[in-house]
Amino acid sequence: MDLLDQLADPAADLLGRVDGILVAAGAPDGHRLWPLLRQLRVLPGDAVHAVLALRSAPLAATGAATRTHLGTYDEVGAALADGGSWQGPAAETFAAHRDALRAYLVDGAESLTGRLDATAAYADEVADWIARTRSALARTLGDVLGSAEAVTVVTARTGGGAPVELAAAEIGARVLATVAEAYDRAEALPGRWAPDLDEVAYRPPDGPAVRPDGGRIAL
């Protein structure tokens, strides 16, 4: 349980009130809450609920589990590097295909090993984004729970009025601004990682196949 989990119950009560006020009365004209609502299309309480559902541990474990397979690829690559003592034209052709397969498996970033490592790193970064997002939102909730605006919202009588509407809008804006910043970072992740996660195609060696007697096979 992290700080966000600890703040979940009191935050749910406050933001339930905030959401109710915003639904019933809206926010003052020109308030900074409006563009945040249009961007995220969600009320502050629902936004917090969505972040509460995010957990970094499963993704962090996925990254670690993915990297355990790298050793297997390295072992296969080492086996392919050992060409033995076979000689002749057919051996040369076989060696070319063996080297191409080895490159496909373990030769740098443009190989299956490279993609596997990149996939693990991507999982790690998403897990880090979740952890940072939860921490940032916890700090924001800690601030708003102790704010004068929270007192205004919690102690408001039926009907509210302009001060209550402004207080609810201020709390909502602070919460949604934190979520919007995290959302922008999340949107950038797939594009930044796309080149490292693209499918790698096997590239066979150039040249015709060879018969065991040394003759060429027309394909």
Protein backbone atom coordinates (compact mmCIF):
# COMPACT_ATOMS: atom_id res chain seq x y z
CA MET A 1 0.00 0.00 0.00
CA ASP A 2 1.41 3.38 -1.03
CA LEU A 3 0.48 6.92 -0.05
CA LEU A 4 -2.20 7.14 -2.75
CA ASP A 5 -3.93 4.08 -1.32
CA GLN A 6 -3.85 5.64 2.14
CA LEU A 7 -5.50 8.81 0.84
CA ALA A 8 -8.09 6.97 -1.24
CA ASP A 9 -10.98 7.03 1.26
CA PRO A 10 -10.79 10.69 2.39
CA ALA A 11 -10.13 11.74 -1.21
CA ALA A 12 -13.17 9.80 -2.42
CA ASP A 13 -15.38 11.63 0.07
CA LEU A 14 -14.06 15.07 -0.85
CA LEU A 15 -14.05 14.48 -4.60
CA GLY A 16 -17.52 12.96 -4.47
CA ARG A 17 -18.69 16.30 -3.09
CA VAL A 18 -16.63 18.19 -5.69
CA ASP A 19 -18.06 16.15 -8.55
CA GLY A 20 -21.58 16.67 -7.24
CA ILE A 21 -21.10 20.45 -7.11
CA LEU A 22 -19.58 20.56 -10.59
CA VAL A 23 -22.40 18.48 -12.06
CA ALA A 24 -25.07 20.58 -10.35
CA ALA A 25 -23.60 24.06 -10.76
CA GLY A 26 -20.65 23.82 -13.13
CA ALA A 27 -17.58 26.00 -12.69
CA PRO A 28 -17.17 29.77 -13.00
CA ASP A 29 -16.87 31.08 -16.56
CA GLY A 30 -13.31 31.15 -17.81
CA HIS A 31 -12.01 28.97 -14.99
CA ARG A 32 -8.94 26.87 -15.78
CA LEU A 33 -10.95 23.74 -14.98
CA TRP A 34 -12.88 23.93 -18.25
CA PRO A 35 -10.02 23.12 -20.66
CA LEU A 36 -8.95 20.26 -18.39
CA LEU A 37 -12.46 18.82 -18.46
CA ARG A 38 -12.53 19.10 -22.25
CA GLN A 39 -9.12 17.44 -22.54
CA LEU A 40 -9.70 14.51 -20.19
CA ARG A 41 -13.51 14.19 -20.49
CA VAL A 42 -13.74 12.94 -16.91
CA LEU A 43 -14.67 14.41 -13.54
CA PRO A 44 -11.96 14.71 -10.85
CA GLY A 45 -13.30 11.85 -8.73
CA ASP A 46 -13.43 9.47 -11.70
CA ALA A 47 -9.93 10.50 -12.75
CA VAL A 48 -8.56 9.64 -9.32
CA HIS A 49 -10.42 6.33 -9.35
CA ALA A 50 -8.78 5.46 -12.68
CA VAL A 51 -5.28 6.21 -11.37
CA LEU A 52 -5.98 4.21 -8.22
CA ALA A 53 -6.57 1.16 -10.43
CA LEU A 54 -3.09 1.46 -11.98
CA ARG A 55 -0.45 -0.82 -10.43
CA SER A 56 3.22 -0.80 -11.36
CA ALA A 57 4.25 -4.12 -9.80
CA PRO A 58 2.81 -6.44 -12.49
CA LEU A 59 4.58 -4.55 -15.27
CA ALA A 60 7.84 -4.41 -13.36
CA ALA A 61 7.60 -8.17 -12.86
CA THR A 62 6.90 -8.62 -16.58
CA GLY A 63 10.08 -6.75 -17.49
CA ALA A 64 12.14 -8.89 -15.15
CA ALA A 65 10.55 -12.13 -16.41
CA THR A 66 11.13 -11.13 -20.03
CA ARG A 67 14.83 -10.61 -19.44
CA THR A 68 15.20 -14.16 -18.12
CA HIS A 69 14.82 -15.40 -21.71
CA LEU A 70 17.81 -13.41 -22.95
CA GLY A 71 20.21 -16.10 -21.73
CA THR A 72 18.48 -18.73 -23.84
CA TYR A 73 18.91 -16.63 -26.97
CA ASP A 74 22.58 -16.10 -26.12
CA GLU A 75 23.08 -19.84 -25.76
CA VAL A 76 21.51 -20.49 -29.14
CA GLY A 77 23.61 -17.73 -30.67
CA ALA A 78 26.77 -19.27 -29.25
CA ALA A 79 25.81 -22.68 -30.65
CA LEU A 80 25.24 -21.17 -34.09
CA ALA A 81 28.63 -19.46 -33.97
CA ASP A 82 30.33 -22.84 -33.75
CA GLY A 83 30.41 -23.97 -37.36
CA GLY A 84 32.34 -27.19 -36.78
CA SER A 85 34.84 -28.61 -39.30
CA TRP A 86 32.52 -29.12 -42.26
CA GLN A 87 34.07 -27.73 -45.47
CA GLY A 88 33.16 -27.26 -49.11
CA PRO A 89 30.59 -25.24 -51.12
CA ALA A 90 27.60 -26.68 -49.29
CA ALA A 91 29.27 -25.93 -45.96
CA GLU A 92 29.83 -22.33 -47.06
CA THR A 93 26.17 -21.95 -48.01
CA PHE A 94 25.07 -23.51 -44.73
CA ALA A 95 27.43 -21.19 -42.86
CA ALA A 96 25.91 -18.16 -44.59
CA HIS A 97 22.41 -19.21 -43.51
CA ARG A 98 23.67 -20.05 -40.03
CA ASP A 99 25.26 -16.61 -39.69
CA ALA A 100 22.08 -14.94 -40.96
CA LEU A 101 20.02 -16.82 -38.39
CA ARG A 102 22.46 -15.93 -35.63
CA ALA A 103 22.26 -12.24 -36.61
CA TYR A 104 18.47 -12.47 -36.58
CA LEU A 105 18.55 -13.92 -33.08
CA VAL A 106 21.27 -12.05 -31.22
CA ASP A 107 23.01 -9.41 -33.34
CA GLY A 108 22.34 -6.03 -31.73
CA ALA A 109 19.18 -3.96 -31.43
CA GLU A 110 17.82 -5.16 -34.80
CA SER A 111 17.52 -8.75 -33.59
CA LEU A 112 15.08 -10.81 -31.58
CA THR A 113 17.29 -10.38 -28.52
CA GLY A 114 17.33 -6.64 -29.05
CA ARG A 115 13.57 -6.52 -29.34
CA LEU A 116 13.17 -8.70 -26.26
CA ASP A 117 15.38 -6.39 -24.25
CA ALA A 118 13.51 -3.34 -25.60
CA THR A 119 10.18 -4.90 -24.65
CA ALA A 120 11.40 -5.42 -21.11
CA ALA A 121 12.68 -1.84 -20.96
CA TYR A 122 9.35 -0.55 -22.25
CA ALA A 123 7.51 -2.47 -19.53
CA ASP A 124 9.90 -0.98 -16.98
CA GLU A 125 9.24 2.56 -18.22
CA VAL A 126 5.48 2.13 -18.14
CA ALA A 127 5.78 0.74 -14.61
CA ASP A 128 7.88 3.78 -13.67
CA TRP A 129 5.26 6.07 -15.22
CA ILE A 130 2.57 4.44 -13.10
CA ALA A 131 4.63 4.81 -9.92
CA ARG A 132 5.41 8.46 -10.67
CA THR A 133 1.80 9.21 -11.55
CA ARG A 134 0.51 7.68 -8.33
CA SER A 135 3.10 9.60 -6.31
CA ALA A 136 2.31 12.92 -8.00
CA LEU A 137 -1.42 12.45 -7.52
CA ALA A 138 -0.91 11.52 -3.87
CA ARG A 139 0.97 14.78 -3.31
CA THR A 140 -1.81 16.75 -5.00
CA LEU A 141 -4.50 15.02 -2.97
CA GLY A 142 -2.56 15.62 0.22
CA ASP A 143 -2.49 19.34 -0.60
CA VAL A 144 -6.17 19.65 -1.52
CA LEU A 145 -7.37 17.62 1.46
CA GLY A 146 -5.76 20.18 3.77
CA SER A 147 -6.77 23.23 1.78
CA ALA A 148 -9.19 26.02 2.60
CA GLU A 149 -11.17 25.01 -0.50
CA ALA A 150 -11.72 21.55 0.98
CA VAL A 151 -13.12 23.12 4.17
CA THR A 152 -15.47 25.24 2.08
CA VAL A 153 -16.72 22.24 0.12
CA VAL A 154 -17.14 19.94 3.12
CA THR A 155 -18.92 22.51 5.28
CA ALA A 156 -21.12 23.87 2.49
CA ARG A 157 -24.84 23.94 3.09
CA THR A 158 -27.41 22.85 0.53
CA GLY A 159 -27.45 25.31 -2.33
CA GLY A 160 -23.79 26.17 -2.04
CA GLY A 161 -23.28 29.42 -3.88
CA ALA A 162 -20.45 31.07 -5.74
CA PRO A 163 -17.76 30.52 -3.06
CA VAL A 164 -18.53 26.78 -2.95
CA GLU A 165 -18.59 26.49 -6.74
CA LEU A 166 -15.24 28.28 -6.97
CA ALA A 167 -13.75 26.07 -4.26
CA ALA A 168 -14.92 22.91 -6.03
CA ALA A 169 -13.54 24.19 -9.33
CA GLU A 170 -10.17 24.94 -7.75
CA ILE A 171 -9.91 21.46 -6.24
CA GLY A 172 -11.02 19.86 -9.49
CA ALA A 173 -8.51 21.87 -11.51
CA ARG A 174 -5.60 20.91 -9.27
CA VAL A 175 -6.48 17.22 -9.45
CA LEU A 176 -7.12 17.19 -13.19
CA ALA A 177 -3.96 19.19 -13.93
CA THR A 178 -1.89 16.46 -12.27
CA VAL A 179 -3.72 13.74 -14.18
CA ALA A 180 -3.44 15.67 -17.47
CA GLU A 181 0.32 16.02 -17.06
CA ALA A 182 0.62 12.28 -16.49
CA TYR A 183 -1.67 11.61 -19.46
CA ASP A 184 0.55 13.68 -21.75
CA ARG A 185 3.61 11.69 -20.66
CA ALA A 186 1.78 8.43 -21.27
CA GLU A 187 0.73 9.48 -24.77
CA ALA A 188 4.36 10.10 -25.70
CA LEU A 189 5.57 6.66 -24.65
CA PRO A 190 4.32 4.51 -27.58
CA GLY A 191 5.69 6.88 -30.21
CA ARG A 192 9.09 7.09 -28.56
CA TRP A 193 9.37 3.32 -28.22
CA ALA A 194 7.80 2.30 -31.56
CA PRO A 195 11.10 2.04 -33.51
CA ASP A 196 12.59 -0.25 -30.85
CA LEU A 197 9.52 -2.49 -30.74
CA ASP A 198 8.89 -2.94 -34.48
CA GLU A 199 8.91 -6.47 -35.86
CA VAL A 200 12.31 -7.71 -37.00
CA ALA A 201 12.34 -9.54 -40.33
CA TYR A 202 14.68 -12.42 -41.01
CA ARG A 203 17.09 -11.56 -43.83
CA PRO A 204 18.38 -14.64 -45.66
CA PRO A 205 21.89 -14.47 -47.13
CA ASP A 206 22.38 -13.44 -50.75
CA GLY A 207 23.36 -15.98 -53.40
CA PRO A 208 21.88 -19.18 -54.85
CA ALA A 209 21.60 -22.46 -52.97
CA VAL A 210 24.29 -25.12 -53.54
CA ARG A 211 23.92 -28.86 -54.21
CA PRO A 212 26.07 -31.28 -52.21
CA ASP A 213 28.22 -31.83 -55.33
CA GLY A 214 28.99 -28.15 -55.56
CA GLY A 215 26.58 -27.32 -58.38
CA ARG A 216 24.24 -24.36 -58.19
CA ILE A 217 20.50 -24.77 -57.83
CA ALA A 218 18.42 -22.32 -59.86
CA LEU A 219 15.53 -21.01 -57.77
